[in-house]
Amino acid sequence: MDDKTLVCKDCGAEFVFTAGEQQFYAEKGFENEPQRCPACRKARKDQRRNYNFNS
């Protein structure tokens, strides 16, 4: 597998989906590539965590 350059659906930034990440996704049975860059993934995760904490 080769590294892939993807575009974040939230901020439009390009990010690299490394061969190692692709292998990890395959081992976990994930069929879709990530749609968000690491920064947007973290922001979304933090947002969900705060929402659940405040509910």
N, C-alpha and C. Protein backbone atom coordinates (compact mmCIF):
# COMPACT_ATOMS: atom_id res chain seq x y z
N MET A 1 0.85 -1.19 0.00
CA MET A 1 0.00 0.00 0.00
C MET A 1 0.89 1.24 0.00
N ASP A 2 0.43 2.25 -0.68
CA ASP A 2 1.13 3.54 -0.72
C ASP A 2 0.33 4.56 0.08
N ASP A 3 1.02 5.59 0.58
CA ASP A 3 0.33 6.70 1.23
C ASP A 3 -0.63 7.35 0.24
N LYS A 4 -1.76 7.83 0.74
CA LYS A 4 -2.74 8.52 -0.10
C LYS A 4 -2.96 9.92 0.46
N THR A 5 -3.12 10.88 -0.43
CA THR A 5 -3.48 12.23 -0.01
C THR A 5 -4.98 12.38 -0.18
N LEU A 6 -5.64 12.72 0.93
CA LEU A 6 -7.09 12.89 0.94
C LEU A 6 -7.42 14.34 1.29
N VAL A 7 -8.66 14.73 1.04
CA VAL A 7 -9.12 16.09 1.34
C VAL A 7 -10.20 16.01 2.42
N CYS A 8 -10.02 16.79 3.47
CA CYS A 8 -10.96 16.83 4.59
C CYS A 8 -12.30 17.40 4.14
N LYS A 9 -13.39 16.72 4.51
CA LYS A 9 -14.72 17.20 4.10
C LYS A 9 -15.18 18.40 4.92
N ASP A 10 -14.54 18.65 6.07
CA ASP A 10 -14.93 19.78 6.91
C ASP A 10 -14.17 21.05 6.55
N CYS A 11 -12.83 20.97 6.53
CA CYS A 11 -12.03 22.19 6.34
C CYS A 11 -11.39 22.29 4.96
N GLY A 12 -11.42 21.21 4.19
CA GLY A 12 -10.86 21.23 2.84
C GLY A 12 -9.35 21.06 2.78
N ALA A 13 -8.71 20.84 3.92
CA ALA A 13 -7.25 20.67 3.94
C ALA A 13 -6.88 19.28 3.44
N GLU A 14 -5.74 19.19 2.79
CA GLU A 14 -5.22 17.90 2.38
C GLU A 14 -4.51 17.26 3.56
N PHE A 15 -4.64 15.94 3.68
CA PHE A 15 -3.93 15.19 4.71
C PHE A 15 -3.53 13.84 4.15
N VAL A 16 -2.52 13.24 4.76
CA VAL A 16 -1.98 11.97 4.26
C VAL A 16 -2.60 10.82 5.05
N PHE A 17 -3.13 9.86 4.33
CA PHE A 17 -3.63 8.61 4.88
C PHE A 17 -2.51 7.60 4.64
N THR A 18 -1.70 7.38 5.67
CA THR A 18 -0.48 6.60 5.50
C THR A 18 -0.77 5.12 5.25
N ALA A 19 0.24 4.44 4.71
CA ALA A 19 0.12 3.00 4.47
C ALA A 19 -0.16 2.28 5.78
N GLY A 20 0.48 2.72 6.87
CA GLY A 20 0.24 2.10 8.18
C GLY A 20 -1.19 2.29 8.65
N GLU A 21 -1.73 3.49 8.44
CA GLU A 21 -3.13 3.74 8.81
C GLU A 21 -4.06 2.89 7.96
N GLN A 22 -3.75 2.76 6.68
CA GLN A 22 -4.58 1.94 5.80
C GLN A 22 -4.58 0.49 6.26
N GLN A 23 -3.42 0.01 6.68
CA GLN A 23 -3.32 -1.37 7.17
C GLN A 23 -4.14 -1.53 8.45
N PHE A 24 -4.05 -0.56 9.35
CA PHE A 24 -4.84 -0.58 10.59
C PHE A 24 -6.33 -0.63 10.27
N TYR A 25 -6.77 0.23 9.36
CA TYR A 25 -8.19 0.27 8.98
C TYR A 25 -8.61 -1.10 8.44
N ALA A 26 -7.77 -1.70 7.58
CA ALA A 26 -8.09 -3.00 6.99
C ALA A 26 -8.19 -4.08 8.08
N GLU A 27 -7.27 -4.05 9.04
CA GLU A 27 -7.28 -5.05 10.12
C GLU A 27 -8.53 -4.92 10.98
N LYS A 28 -9.02 -3.70 11.15
CA LYS A 28 -10.22 -3.47 11.95
C LYS A 28 -11.50 -3.71 11.15
N GLY A 29 -11.37 -3.94 9.86
CA GLY A 29 -12.54 -4.20 9.02
C GLY A 29 -13.23 -2.94 8.53
N PHE A 30 -12.58 -1.78 8.70
CA PHE A 30 -13.17 -0.53 8.21
C PHE A 30 -13.05 -0.51 6.69
N GLU A 31 -14.15 -0.21 6.02
CA GLU A 31 -14.16 -0.21 4.56
C GLU A 31 -13.99 1.18 3.97
N ASN A 32 -14.32 2.22 4.72
CA ASN A 32 -14.25 3.59 4.22
C ASN A 32 -12.98 4.28 4.68
N GLU A 33 -12.45 5.13 3.82
CA GLU A 33 -11.30 5.94 4.19
C GLU A 33 -11.78 7.07 5.09
N PRO A 34 -10.88 7.63 5.92
CA PRO A 34 -11.30 8.76 6.75
C PRO A 34 -11.68 9.95 5.89
N GLN A 35 -12.69 10.69 6.31
CA GLN A 35 -13.15 11.84 5.54
C GLN A 35 -12.70 13.15 6.15
N ARG A 36 -12.17 13.08 7.38
CA ARG A 36 -11.73 14.30 8.07
C ARG A 36 -10.25 14.20 8.40
N CYS A 37 -9.58 15.35 8.38
CA CYS A 37 -8.17 15.41 8.75
C CYS A 37 -8.05 15.16 10.26
N PRO A 38 -6.86 14.83 10.73
CA PRO A 38 -6.71 14.56 12.17
C PRO A 38 -7.19 15.70 13.07
N ALA A 39 -6.97 16.95 12.69
CA ALA A 39 -7.41 18.08 13.51
C ALA A 39 -8.94 18.13 13.60
N CYS A 40 -9.62 17.92 12.48
CA CYS A 40 -11.08 17.95 12.48
C CYS A 40 -11.65 16.73 13.19
N ARG A 41 -10.98 15.57 13.08
CA ARG A 41 -11.41 14.38 13.81
C ARG A 41 -11.34 14.64 15.31
N LYS A 42 -10.25 15.25 15.76
CA LYS A 42 -10.08 15.55 17.18
C LYS A 42 -11.13 16.56 17.64
N ALA A 43 -11.36 17.60 16.85
CA ALA A 43 -12.35 18.61 17.22
C ALA A 43 -13.73 17.99 17.32
N ARG A 44 -14.07 17.13 16.39
CA ARG A 44 -15.38 16.48 16.41
C ARG A 44 -15.51 15.55 17.62
N LYS A 45 -14.44 14.81 17.91
CA LYS A 45 -14.45 13.92 19.07
C LYS A 45 -14.60 14.72 20.36
N ASP A 46 -13.85 15.82 20.48
CA ASP A 46 -13.95 16.67 21.67
C ASP A 46 -15.34 17.27 21.80
N GLN A 47 -15.93 17.66 20.67
CA GLN A 47 -17.27 18.24 20.68
C GLN A 47 -18.29 17.21 21.18
N ARG A 48 -18.18 15.98 20.71
CA ARG A 48 -19.09 14.92 21.16
C ARG A 48 -18.89 14.64 22.64
N ARG A 49 -17.63 14.62 23.07
CA ARG A 49 -17.31 14.34 24.47
C ARG A 49 -17.90 15.44 25.37
N ASN A 50 -17.77 16.69 24.98
CA ASN A 50 -18.32 17.79 25.76
C ASN A 50 -19.84 17.77 25.78
N TYR A 51 -20.45 17.40 24.66
CA TYR A 51 -21.90 17.32 24.59
C TYR A 51 -22.40 16.25 25.55
N ASN A 52 -21.75 15.07 25.54
CA ASN A 52 -22.17 13.98 26.42
C ASN A 52 -21.93 14.34 27.89
N PHE A 53 -20.88 15.08 28.15
CA PHE A 53 -20.56 15.48 29.52
C PHE A 53 -21.58 16.47 30.05
N ASN A 54 -22.03 17.39 29.19
CA ASN A 54 -22.94 18.44 29.61
C ASN A 54 -24.41 18.02 29.59
N SER A 55 -24.70 16.87 29.05
CA SER A 55 -26.11 16.43 28.96
C SER A 55 -26.62 15.87 30.27
